[in-house]
Amino acid sequence: MKKKDNPSPNKLSLNETLPHQINAPSFEGTGIKMQPPFKNQHGVVIGDSKYVSPNSPLENWTENTDPEIMAGDEWVHPTNDIGWNTAENRELLESKKKPQAYPFMHPDKDVSKGSD
């Protein structure tokens, strides 16, 4: 019998979702693939769900820090971002999924006719 491979402890997603986030949406069936964390130009890891990085301006904030330094796409992870938990983005994901019709629909017959 082949030994089962254990998932990598560094992998954040499972079946195209983030199980460690209670309200995280599932990307399964949407065509959107979970993306790994990345380092931005400031050396800050984005998308690792730890939210603390020694190089982050948030960890080194002073009254002289310009908040604009944390603006832009380099601070947003494409799939591990709190924005996916909004109602609008959940609707966007649901609209990308195929309807789960099987086994209750037939391509050319209305099986619900007369059931009212």
Protein backbone atom coordinates (compact mmCIF):
# COMPACT_ATOMS: atom_id res chain seq x y z
CA MET A 1 0.00 0.00 0.00
CA LYS A 2 1.31 3.44 -0.97
CA LYS A 3 1.87 5.90 1.87
CA LYS A 4 -0.45 8.90 1.65
CA ASP A 5 1.29 12.17 0.93
CA ASN A 6 0.83 14.71 3.66
CA PRO A 7 -0.09 18.22 2.50
CA SER A 8 2.68 20.79 2.78
CA PRO A 9 2.52 22.71 6.06
CA ASN A 10 3.26 25.87 4.05
CA LYS A 11 0.22 25.44 1.81
CA LEU A 12 -2.61 27.69 2.97
CA SER A 13 -5.44 26.43 0.81
CA LEU A 14 -7.37 23.19 0.75
CA ASN A 15 -9.75 22.38 -2.14
CA GLU A 16 -9.52 25.98 -3.40
CA THR A 17 -10.58 27.53 -0.08
CA LEU A 18 -8.91 28.89 3.04
CA PRO A 19 -10.11 26.67 5.89
CA HIS A 20 -8.34 28.72 8.55
CA GLN A 21 -10.63 31.68 7.78
CA ILE A 22 -14.13 31.03 9.07
CA ASN A 23 -15.95 32.98 6.35
CA ALA A 24 -13.51 32.43 3.50
CA PRO A 25 -15.23 31.72 0.18
CA SER A 26 -14.48 28.71 -1.95
CA PHE A 27 -12.86 29.32 -5.33
CA GLU A 28 -13.61 25.74 -6.41
CA GLY A 29 -15.39 25.61 -9.76
CA THR A 30 -14.85 29.31 -10.50
CA GLY A 31 -11.77 28.99 -12.70
CA ILE A 32 -9.83 31.09 -10.18
CA LYS A 33 -6.86 29.21 -8.73
CA MET A 34 -5.49 29.90 -5.27
CA GLN A 35 -2.25 31.87 -5.50
CA PRO A 36 0.76 31.40 -3.20
CA PRO A 37 2.00 34.20 -0.95
CA PHE A 38 4.49 36.63 -2.49
CA LYS A 39 6.99 39.26 -1.34
CA ASN A 40 6.38 42.78 -2.55
CA GLN A 41 9.07 45.35 -3.37
CA HIS A 42 9.36 46.28 0.31
CA GLY A 43 10.17 42.70 1.33
CA VAL A 44 6.76 42.21 2.97
CA VAL A 45 5.11 38.80 2.55
CA ILE A 46 1.57 39.26 1.21
CA GLY A 47 -1.02 36.49 1.49
CA ASP A 48 0.53 34.28 4.17
CA SER A 49 -2.30 34.93 6.66
CA LYS A 50 0.20 35.91 9.36
CA TYR A 51 -0.31 39.65 8.74
CA VAL A 52 2.95 40.50 10.52
CA SER A 53 6.17 41.09 8.67
CA PRO A 54 9.27 42.74 10.16
CA ASN A 55 9.67 44.91 7.04
CA SER A 56 6.07 46.12 7.02
CA PRO A 57 5.45 49.85 7.45
CA LEU A 58 2.70 48.85 9.91
CA GLU A 59 5.30 47.21 12.16
CA ASN A 60 7.62 50.22 11.85
CA TRP A 61 5.06 53.03 11.90
CA THR A 62 6.05 56.47 13.12
CA GLU A 63 4.44 59.88 12.84
CA ASN A 64 6.70 60.46 9.83
CA THR A 65 5.43 57.40 7.91
CA ASP A 66 3.48 58.36 4.82
CA PRO A 67 0.37 56.10 4.59
CA GLU A 68 0.65 56.22 0.79
CA ILE A 69 3.56 53.77 1.06
CA MET A 70 0.98 51.01 1.63
CA ALA A 71 -1.23 51.88 -1.35
CA GLY A 72 -1.42 49.86 -4.55
CA ASP A 73 -1.82 46.33 -5.87
CA GLU A 74 1.47 45.15 -4.38
CA TRP A 75 -0.26 45.13 -0.97
CA VAL A 76 -3.24 43.03 -2.07
CA HIS A 77 -3.15 39.27 -2.53
CA PRO A 78 -5.32 38.05 -5.45
CA THR A 79 -6.98 35.17 -3.54
CA ASN A 80 -6.07 35.51 0.16
CA ASP A 81 -7.58 38.89 0.85
CA ILE A 82 -10.28 39.93 3.31
CA GLY A 83 -12.11 41.61 0.41
CA TRP A 84 -13.29 38.20 -0.83
CA ASN A 85 -15.50 38.00 2.28
CA THR A 86 -17.73 40.89 1.12
CA ALA A 87 -21.18 40.12 -0.26
CA GLU A 88 -20.32 41.66 -3.64
CA ASN A 89 -17.23 39.51 -4.15
CA ARG A 90 -19.02 36.37 -2.94
CA GLU A 91 -21.71 37.05 -5.58
CA LEU A 92 -18.95 37.44 -8.18
CA LEU A 93 -17.55 34.01 -7.26
CA GLU A 94 -21.00 32.39 -7.28
CA SER A 95 -21.69 33.83 -10.74
CA LYS A 96 -18.55 32.09 -12.06
CA LYS A 97 -19.64 28.65 -10.84
CA LYS A 98 -21.62 26.29 -13.05
CA PRO A 99 -25.10 25.46 -11.77
CA GLN A 100 -25.31 22.24 -9.80
CA ALA A 101 -28.22 20.83 -11.78
CA TYR A 102 -27.32 17.14 -11.94
CA PRO A 103 -29.13 14.83 -11.18
CA PHE A 104 -32.33 16.88 -11.08
CA MET A 105 -32.31 18.28 -14.61
CA HIS A 106 -32.28 16.77 -18.04
CA PRO A 107 -30.91 18.79 -20.96
CA ASP A 108 -34.11 18.63 -23.05
CA LYS A 109 -36.88 17.57 -20.64
CA ASP A 110 -38.56 19.57 -17.90
CA VAL A 111 -38.77 16.99 -15.12
CA SER A 112 -40.55 19.46 -12.83
CA LYS A 113 -43.56 19.88 -15.15
CA GLY A 114 -46.80 19.21 -13.34
CA SER A 115 -45.21 19.01 -9.91
CA ASP A 116 -46.90 22.19 -8.66
